[in-house]
């Protein structure tokens, strides 16, 4: 069994050292696609609501982490958002990507930046939560980008 792990590790090292060569122009194009997708996602959230936007940009196999819990898969994410008060007009979420990177293979990328989530509490006070988001994007077979981690 130990021999199996050693062989697996060696194969992994060899395969990971065989990097793909992708020209800078192509990588910048992919970064631009991800950046535009992220911005469109944020815009849709503001204009059409959190649930609708998340379900539009989520991959079938996506995972989101909320309150130290993992919500796995698009259908579970749909249920999660249906149970949230995000349909309330007094809830808003906005963000701006500060950084984008993409794998040389062009199949995965990630973004991060600052977000603001605000809502009106039961006393009528606006509560604002700020933080850092991190989203992992995966290119879909049709060429679009959907998030697989948020």
N, C-alpha and C. Protein backbone atom coordinates (compact mmCIF):
# COMPACT_ATOMS: atom_id res chain seq x y z
N UNK A 1 0.82 -1.19 0.00
CA UNK A 1 0.00 0.00 0.00
C UNK A 1 0.87 1.25 0.00
N UNK A 2 1.96 1.21 0.77
CA UNK A 2 2.87 2.35 0.82
C UNK A 2 3.46 2.64 -0.56
N UNK A 3 3.76 1.58 -1.30
CA UNK A 3 4.31 1.72 -2.65
C UNK A 3 3.31 2.45 -3.56
N UNK A 4 2.03 2.16 -3.40
CA UNK A 4 0.99 2.81 -4.20
C UNK A 4 1.02 4.32 -3.98
N UNK A 5 1.12 4.76 -2.72
CA UNK A 5 1.15 6.19 -2.42
C UNK A 5 2.39 6.86 -2.98
N UNK A 6 3.51 6.19 -2.90
CA UNK A 6 4.75 6.74 -3.45
C UNK A 6 4.63 6.90 -4.96
N UNK A 7 4.13 5.88 -5.64
CA UNK A 7 3.97 5.94 -7.09
C UNK A 7 2.97 7.04 -7.46
N UNK A 8 1.87 7.11 -6.74
CA UNK A 8 0.87 8.16 -7.00
C UNK A 8 1.48 9.54 -6.83
N UNK A 9 2.27 9.73 -5.79
CA UNK A 9 2.91 11.02 -5.54
C UNK A 9 3.89 11.37 -6.66
N UNK A 10 4.67 10.41 -7.11
CA UNK A 10 5.63 10.65 -8.20
C UNK A 10 4.89 11.01 -9.49
N UNK A 11 3.83 10.29 -9.80
CA UNK A 11 3.04 10.59 -11.00
C UNK A 11 2.46 12.00 -10.89
N UNK A 12 1.98 12.36 -9.72
CA UNK A 12 1.45 13.71 -9.52
C UNK A 12 2.52 14.76 -9.75
N UNK A 13 3.70 14.56 -9.21
CA UNK A 13 4.79 15.52 -9.41
C UNK A 13 5.16 15.67 -10.87
N UNK A 14 5.25 14.56 -11.56
CA UNK A 14 5.61 14.60 -12.98
C UNK A 14 4.53 15.31 -13.78
N UNK A 15 3.28 14.96 -13.53
CA UNK A 15 2.19 15.57 -14.31
C UNK A 15 2.03 17.05 -13.98
N UNK A 16 2.30 17.44 -12.74
CA UNK A 16 2.16 18.85 -12.40
C UNK A 16 3.30 19.68 -12.95
N UNK A 17 4.41 19.05 -13.27
CA UNK A 17 5.53 19.80 -13.84
C UNK A 17 5.36 20.02 -15.34
N UNK A 18 4.42 19.33 -15.95
CA UNK A 18 4.14 19.49 -17.38
C UNK A 18 3.10 20.59 -17.54
N UNK A 19 3.53 21.82 -17.54
CA UNK A 19 2.59 22.93 -17.61
C UNK A 19 2.24 23.25 -19.05
N UNK A 20 1.02 23.72 -19.22
CA UNK A 20 0.57 24.14 -20.53
C UNK A 20 1.13 25.52 -20.82
N UNK A 21 1.45 25.78 -22.05
CA UNK A 21 1.89 27.11 -22.43
C UNK A 21 0.72 27.81 -23.09
N UNK A 22 0.33 28.91 -22.49
CA UNK A 22 -0.76 29.71 -23.02
C UNK A 22 -0.24 31.13 -23.15
N UNK A 23 -0.52 31.75 -24.28
CA UNK A 23 0.00 33.10 -24.48
C UNK A 23 -0.71 34.10 -23.57
N UNK A 24 0.00 35.18 -23.27
CA UNK A 24 -0.50 36.19 -22.35
C UNK A 24 -1.82 36.80 -22.82
N UNK A 25 -1.95 36.99 -24.11
CA UNK A 25 -3.17 37.58 -24.67
C UNK A 25 -4.40 36.72 -24.36
N UNK A 26 -4.24 35.41 -24.48
CA UNK A 26 -5.35 34.49 -24.19
C UNK A 26 -5.70 34.53 -22.71
N UNK A 27 -4.69 34.54 -21.86
CA UNK A 27 -4.93 34.60 -20.42
C UNK A 27 -5.64 35.90 -20.05
N UNK A 28 -5.21 37.00 -20.62
CA UNK A 28 -5.86 38.29 -20.35
C UNK A 28 -7.31 38.28 -20.85
N UNK A 29 -7.56 37.62 -21.96
CA UNK A 29 -8.93 37.50 -22.48
C UNK A 29 -9.80 36.74 -21.48
N UNK A 30 -9.29 35.62 -20.98
CA UNK A 30 -10.04 34.84 -20.00
C UNK A 30 -10.28 35.63 -18.72
N UNK A 31 -9.26 36.36 -18.26
CA UNK A 31 -9.43 37.19 -17.07
C UNK A 31 -10.54 38.22 -17.30
N UNK A 32 -10.54 38.80 -18.49
CA UNK A 32 -11.58 39.77 -18.83
C UNK A 32 -12.96 39.15 -18.82
N UNK A 33 -13.07 37.92 -19.32
CA UNK A 33 -14.37 37.23 -19.31
C UNK A 33 -14.85 37.02 -17.87
N UNK A 34 -13.94 36.58 -17.01
CA UNK A 34 -14.30 36.34 -15.61
C UNK A 34 -14.69 37.66 -14.94
N UNK A 35 -13.91 38.70 -15.17
CA UNK A 35 -14.19 40.00 -14.58
C UNK A 35 -15.56 40.52 -15.02
N UNK A 36 -15.85 40.41 -16.30
CA UNK A 36 -17.16 40.86 -16.80
C UNK A 36 -18.29 40.01 -16.23
N UNK A 37 -18.06 38.71 -16.08
CA UNK A 37 -19.07 37.84 -15.48
C UNK A 37 -19.32 38.25 -14.04
N UNK A 38 -18.25 38.50 -13.30
CA UNK A 38 -18.38 38.92 -11.90
C UNK A 38 -19.17 40.23 -11.80
N UNK A 39 -18.84 41.18 -12.67
CA UNK A 39 -19.55 42.47 -12.65
C UNK A 39 -21.02 42.32 -13.05
N UNK A 40 -21.29 41.47 -14.03
CA UNK A 40 -22.68 41.22 -14.43
C UNK A 40 -23.46 40.55 -13.31
N UNK A 41 -22.81 39.65 -12.60
CA UNK A 41 -23.40 38.97 -11.45
C UNK A 41 -23.78 40.00 -10.38
N UNK A 42 -22.85 40.89 -10.06
CA UNK A 42 -23.12 41.93 -9.05
C UNK A 42 -24.26 42.84 -9.51
N UNK A 43 -24.26 43.20 -10.78
CA UNK A 43 -25.30 44.08 -11.32
C UNK A 43 -26.67 43.40 -11.25
N UNK A 44 -26.73 42.13 -11.64
CA UNK A 44 -27.99 41.41 -11.59
C UNK A 44 -28.50 41.29 -10.16
N UNK A 45 -27.58 41.10 -9.22
CA UNK A 45 -27.97 41.02 -7.81
C UNK A 45 -28.66 42.30 -7.38
N UNK A 46 -28.08 43.42 -7.76
CA UNK A 46 -28.63 44.72 -7.39
C UNK A 46 -29.98 44.97 -8.06
N UNK A 47 -30.10 44.59 -9.33
CA UNK A 47 -31.30 44.90 -10.11
C UNK A 47 -32.43 43.89 -9.96
N UNK A 48 -32.08 42.60 -9.80
CA UNK A 48 -33.11 41.57 -9.82
C UNK A 48 -33.20 40.74 -8.55
N UNK A 49 -32.30 40.99 -7.61
CA UNK A 49 -32.35 40.28 -6.34
C UNK A 49 -31.28 39.23 -6.20
N UNK A 50 -30.97 38.95 -4.95
CA UNK A 50 -29.88 38.04 -4.61
C UNK A 50 -30.15 36.62 -5.11
N UNK A 51 -31.32 36.09 -4.79
CA UNK A 51 -31.62 34.70 -5.15
C UNK A 51 -31.57 34.49 -6.66
N UNK A 52 -32.21 35.35 -7.41
CA UNK A 52 -32.26 35.19 -8.86
C UNK A 52 -30.85 35.25 -9.47
N UNK A 53 -30.05 36.19 -8.99
CA UNK A 53 -28.70 36.33 -9.53
C UNK A 53 -27.83 35.13 -9.18
N UNK A 54 -27.88 34.69 -7.93
CA UNK A 54 -27.06 33.54 -7.54
C UNK A 54 -27.45 32.31 -8.34
N UNK A 55 -28.74 32.10 -8.54
CA UNK A 55 -29.16 30.91 -9.28
C UNK A 55 -28.83 31.02 -10.76
N UNK A 56 -28.69 32.21 -11.26
CA UNK A 56 -28.30 32.40 -12.66
C UNK A 56 -26.81 32.10 -12.89
N UNK A 57 -25.98 32.41 -11.90
CA UNK A 57 -24.53 32.28 -12.08
C UNK A 57 -23.93 31.06 -11.39
N UNK A 58 -24.74 30.23 -10.76
CA UNK A 58 -24.23 29.07 -10.03
C UNK A 58 -24.07 27.87 -10.97
N UNK A 59 -22.98 27.12 -10.80
CA UNK A 59 -22.78 25.87 -11.53
C UNK A 59 -23.56 24.76 -10.81
N UNK A 60 -23.88 23.71 -11.53
CA UNK A 60 -24.64 22.60 -10.95
C UNK A 60 -23.95 22.00 -9.73
N UNK A 61 -22.62 21.97 -9.74
CA UNK A 61 -21.86 21.33 -8.66
C UNK A 61 -21.26 22.34 -7.69
N UNK A 62 -21.81 23.53 -7.63
CA UNK A 62 -21.26 24.60 -6.79
C UNK A 62 -21.45 24.32 -5.31
N UNK A 63 -20.61 24.99 -4.52
CA UNK A 63 -20.68 24.93 -3.06
C UNK A 63 -20.61 26.36 -2.55
N UNK A 64 -21.50 26.69 -1.63
CA UNK A 64 -21.38 27.97 -0.94
C UNK A 64 -21.24 27.69 0.55
N UNK A 65 -20.54 28.57 1.23
CA UNK A 65 -20.40 28.44 2.68
C UNK A 65 -21.15 29.59 3.32
N UNK A 66 -22.10 29.26 4.16
CA UNK A 66 -22.88 30.26 4.88
C UNK A 66 -22.96 29.84 6.34
N UNK A 67 -22.58 30.76 7.21
CA UNK A 67 -22.63 30.51 8.66
C UNK A 67 -21.95 29.20 9.05
N UNK A 68 -20.76 28.99 8.54
CA UNK A 68 -19.96 27.79 8.83
C UNK A 68 -20.61 26.49 8.36
N UNK A 69 -21.54 26.57 7.42
CA UNK A 69 -22.17 25.39 6.83
C UNK A 69 -21.94 25.40 5.33
N UNK A 70 -21.72 24.23 4.77
CA UNK A 70 -21.60 24.10 3.33
C UNK A 70 -22.95 23.76 2.73
N UNK A 71 -23.30 24.46 1.67
CA UNK A 71 -24.52 24.17 0.91
C UNK A 71 -24.02 23.67 -0.44
N UNK A 72 -24.31 22.41 -0.74
CA UNK A 72 -23.69 21.74 -1.88
C UNK A 72 -24.70 21.46 -2.99
N UNK A 73 -24.40 21.95 -4.18
CA UNK A 73 -25.22 21.70 -5.36
C UNK A 73 -26.23 22.80 -5.61
N UNK A 74 -26.54 23.01 -6.88
CA UNK A 74 -27.45 24.09 -7.27
C UNK A 74 -28.83 23.96 -6.64
N UNK A 75 -29.37 22.75 -6.58
CA UNK A 75 -30.71 22.60 -6.01
C UNK A 75 -30.72 22.93 -4.52
N UNK A 76 -29.68 22.52 -3.79
CA UNK A 76 -29.59 22.86 -2.36
C UNK A 76 -29.39 24.36 -2.16
N UNK A 77 -28.63 24.98 -3.06
CA UNK A 77 -28.43 26.43 -2.99
C UNK A 77 -29.74 27.15 -3.25
N UNK A 78 -30.53 26.64 -4.18
CA UNK A 78 -31.85 27.20 -4.45
C UNK A 78 -32.73 27.16 -3.19
N UNK A 79 -32.75 26.01 -2.52
CA UNK A 79 -33.53 25.87 -1.29
C UNK A 79 -33.01 26.83 -0.23
N UNK A 80 -31.69 26.92 -0.10
CA UNK A 80 -31.10 27.85 0.87
C UNK A 80 -31.62 29.27 0.65
N UNK A 81 -31.55 29.75 -0.59
CA UNK A 81 -31.97 31.12 -0.86
C UNK A 81 -33.48 31.31 -0.71
N UNK A 82 -34.26 30.29 -1.00
CA UNK A 82 -35.71 30.40 -0.81
C UNK A 82 -36.05 30.60 0.67
N UNK A 83 -35.19 30.09 1.55
CA UNK A 83 -35.43 30.20 2.98
C UNK A 83 -34.80 31.46 3.60
N UNK A 84 -34.22 32.31 2.79
CA UNK A 84 -33.60 33.54 3.27
C UNK A 84 -34.51 34.74 3.00
N UNK A 85 -34.35 35.79 3.79
CA UNK A 85 -35.19 36.98 3.59
C UNK A 85 -34.67 37.87 2.46
N UNK A 86 -34.09 37.27 1.42
CA UNK A 86 -33.48 38.08 0.36
C UNK A 86 -34.49 38.67 -0.60
N UNK A 87 -35.74 38.22 -0.53
CA UNK A 87 -36.75 38.80 -1.41
C UNK A 87 -37.20 40.17 -0.90
N UNK A 88 -36.91 40.44 0.37
CA UNK A 88 -37.25 41.70 0.99
C UNK A 88 -36.48 42.82 0.30
N UNK A 89 -37.18 43.89 -0.03
CA UNK A 89 -36.53 45.01 -0.70
C UNK A 89 -35.54 45.73 0.21
N UNK A 90 -35.60 45.44 1.50
CA UNK A 90 -34.70 46.09 2.45
C UNK A 90 -33.39 45.33 2.62
N UNK A 91 -33.13 44.36 1.77
CA UNK A 91 -31.89 43.59 1.80
C UNK A 91 -31.11 43.91 0.54
N UNK A 92 -29.83 44.19 0.69
CA UNK A 92 -29.02 44.42 -0.51
C UNK A 92 -27.63 43.83 -0.33
N UNK A 93 -27.05 43.47 -1.45
CA UNK A 93 -25.70 42.92 -1.49
C UNK A 93 -24.98 43.56 -2.66
N UNK A 94 -23.82 44.11 -2.39
CA UNK A 94 -23.02 44.68 -3.48
C UNK A 94 -21.57 44.30 -3.26
N UNK A 95 -20.84 44.22 -4.36
CA UNK A 95 -19.42 43.89 -4.28
C UNK A 95 -18.71 44.36 -5.53
N UNK A 96 -17.40 44.42 -5.40
CA UNK A 96 -16.55 44.83 -6.51
C UNK A 96 -15.30 43.96 -6.49
N UNK A 97 -15.01 43.28 -7.58
CA UNK A 97 -13.79 42.47 -7.61
C UNK A 97 -12.54 43.36 -7.65
N UNK A 98 -11.59 43.03 -6.79
CA UNK A 98 -10.31 43.73 -6.77
C UNK A 98 -9.22 42.98 -7.52
N UNK A 99 -9.44 41.67 -7.70
CA UNK A 99 -8.40 40.84 -8.30
C UNK A 99 -9.05 39.69 -9.05
N UNK A 100 -8.44 39.32 -10.16
CA UNK A 100 -8.90 38.17 -10.93
C UNK A 100 -7.68 37.40 -11.41
N UNK A 101 -7.78 36.09 -11.38
CA UNK A 101 -6.71 35.22 -11.90
C UNK A 101 -7.37 34.05 -12.59
N UNK A 102 -6.65 33.47 -13.54
CA UNK A 102 -7.17 32.33 -14.28
C UNK A 102 -6.05 31.31 -14.48
N UNK A 103 -6.41 30.04 -14.47
CA UNK A 103 -5.45 28.97 -14.72
C UNK A 103 -5.00 29.01 -16.18
N UNK A 104 -3.77 28.59 -16.44
CA UNK A 104 -3.28 28.59 -17.82
C UNK A 104 -4.09 27.64 -18.70
N UNK A 105 -4.79 26.70 -18.10
CA UNK A 105 -5.65 25.79 -18.86
C UNK A 105 -6.94 26.48 -19.30
N UNK A 106 -7.27 27.60 -18.67
CA UNK A 106 -8.47 28.34 -19.04
C UNK A 106 -9.77 27.76 -18.55
N UNK A 107 -9.70 26.80 -17.64
CA UNK A 107 -10.94 26.18 -17.17
C UNK A 107 -11.39 26.65 -15.79
N UNK A 108 -10.47 27.22 -15.01
CA UNK A 108 -10.80 27.71 -13.67
C UNK A 108 -10.20 29.10 -13.47
N UNK A 109 -10.87 29.89 -12.66
CA UNK A 109 -10.36 31.19 -12.29
C UNK A 109 -10.93 31.59 -10.95
N UNK A 110 -10.42 32.68 -10.40
CA UNK A 110 -10.98 33.15 -9.14
C UNK A 110 -10.92 34.66 -9.06
N UNK A 111 -11.79 35.20 -8.22
CA UNK A 111 -11.83 36.63 -7.96
C UNK A 111 -11.94 36.83 -6.46
N UNK A 112 -11.53 38.02 -6.02
CA UNK A 112 -11.81 38.42 -4.65
C UNK A 112 -11.90 39.93 -4.59
N UNK A 113 -12.53 40.39 -3.54
CA UNK A 113 -12.70 41.83 -3.34
C UNK A 113 -13.57 42.08 -2.12
N UNK A 114 -14.08 43.28 -2.03
CA UNK A 114 -14.87 43.69 -0.88
C UNK A 114 -16.37 43.60 -1.20
N UNK A 115 -17.14 43.23 -0.18
CA UNK A 115 -18.59 43.21 -0.34
C UNK A 115 -19.25 43.98 0.80
N UNK A 116 -20.49 44.38 0.56
CA UNK A 116 -21.33 45.00 1.59
C UNK A 116 -22.70 44.36 1.52
N UNK A 117 -23.14 43.82 2.64
CA UNK A 117 -24.48 43.24 2.77
C UNK A 117 -25.23 44.09 3.78
N UNK A 118 -26.38 44.61 3.41
CA UNK A 118 -27.13 45.45 4.34
C UNK A 118 -28.60 45.04 4.35
N UNK A 119 -29.22 45.30 5.49
CA UNK A 119 -30.64 45.02 5.64
C UNK A 119 -31.20 45.93 6.72
N UNK A 120 -32.51 46.04 6.74
CA UNK A 120 -33.19 46.82 7.77
C UNK A 120 -33.69 45.84 8.81
N UNK A 121 -33.27 46.05 10.07
CA UNK A 121 -33.68 45.13 11.13
C UNK A 121 -35.11 45.43 11.60
N UNK A 122 -35.57 44.67 12.57
CA UNK A 122 -36.96 44.81 13.04
C UNK A 122 -37.22 46.15 13.72
N UNK A 123 -36.17 46.84 14.14
CA UNK A 123 -36.31 48.17 14.74
C UNK A 123 -36.26 49.28 13.70
N UNK A 124 -36.11 48.89 12.43
CA UNK A 124 -36.04 49.88 11.37
C UNK A 124 -34.65 50.45 11.13
N UNK A 125 -33.66 49.89 11.79
CA UNK A 125 -32.28 50.36 11.62
C UNK A 125 -31.61 49.59 10.49
N UNK A 126 -30.82 50.30 9.72
CA UNK A 126 -30.05 49.64 8.66
C UNK A 126 -28.80 49.03 9.28
N UNK A 127 -28.62 47.75 9.05
CA UNK A 127 -27.45 47.02 9.53
C UNK A 127 -26.59 46.72 8.32
N UNK A 128 -25.31 47.02 8.43
CA UNK A 128 -24.40 46.82 7.30
C UNK A 128 -23.27 45.89 7.72
N UNK A 129 -23.07 44.84 6.95
CA UNK A 129 -21.96 43.92 7.17
C UNK A 129 -21.02 44.04 5.98
N UNK A 130 -19.73 44.21 6.27
CA UNK A 130 -18.73 44.32 5.21
C UNK A 130 -17.72 43.20 5.37
N UNK A 131 -17.16 42.79 4.26
CA UNK A 131 -16.16 41.74 4.33
C UNK A 131 -15.47 41.55 3.00
N UNK A 132 -14.78 40.44 2.90
CA UNK A 132 -14.04 40.07 1.69
C UNK A 132 -14.71 38.83 1.10
N UNK A 133 -14.95 38.86 -0.20
CA UNK A 133 -15.50 37.68 -0.87
C UNK A 133 -14.39 36.99 -1.67
N UNK A 134 -14.61 35.73 -1.93
CA UNK A 134 -13.71 34.94 -2.78
C UNK A 134 -14.60 34.01 -3.59
N UNK A 135 -14.52 34.12 -4.89
CA UNK A 135 -15.34 33.29 -5.77
C UNK A 135 -14.44 32.51 -6.72
N UNK A 136 -14.73 31.23 -6.87
CA UNK A 136 -14.01 30.39 -7.83
C UNK A 136 -14.95 30.16 -9.00
N UNK A 137 -14.44 30.40 -10.20
CA UNK A 137 -15.22 30.30 -11.44
C UNK A 137 -14.74 29.13 -12.27
N UNK A 138 -15.69 28.45 -12.93
CA UNK A 138 -15.36 27.32 -13.80
C UNK A 138 -15.99 27.56 -15.17
N UNK A 139 -15.18 27.40 -16.20
CA UNK A 139 -15.70 27.54 -17.56
C UNK A 139 -16.62 26.36 -17.86
N UNK A 140 -17.79 26.67 -18.37
CA UNK A 140 -18.78 25.67 -18.71
C UNK A 140 -18.56 25.18 -20.15
N UNK A 141 -19.11 24.03 -20.50
CA UNK A 141 -18.94 23.52 -21.87
C UNK A 141 -19.36 24.50 -22.97
N UNK A 142 -20.32 25.39 -22.66
CA UNK A 142 -20.76 26.37 -23.66
C UNK A 142 -19.89 27.64 -23.68
N UNK A 143 -18.83 27.66 -22.86
CA UNK A 143 -17.90 28.78 -22.84
C UNK A 143 -18.19 29.85 -21.81
N UNK A 144 -19.35 29.77 -21.15
CA UNK A 144 -19.67 30.75 -20.11
C UNK A 144 -18.97 30.36 -18.81
N UNK A 145 -18.95 31.29 -17.87
CA UNK A 145 -18.35 31.05 -16.56
C UNK A 145 -19.45 30.99 -15.51
N UNK A 146 -19.39 29.98 -14.66
CA UNK A 146 -20.31 29.84 -13.53
C UNK A 146 -19.46 29.65 -12.28
N UNK A 147 -19.98 30.12 -11.14
CA UNK A 147 -19.18 29.94 -9.93
C UNK A 147 -19.38 28.54 -9.35
N UNK A 148 -18.28 28.00 -8.79
CA UNK A 148 -18.32 26.69 -8.14
C UNK A 148 -18.03 26.81 -6.65
N UNK A 149 -17.59 27.98 -6.21
CA UNK A 149 -17.35 28.23 -4.78
C UNK A 149 -17.61 29.70 -4.50
N UNK A 150 -18.36 29.94 -3.43
CA UNK A 150 -18.59 31.31 -2.99
C UNK A 150 -18.67 31.31 -1.48
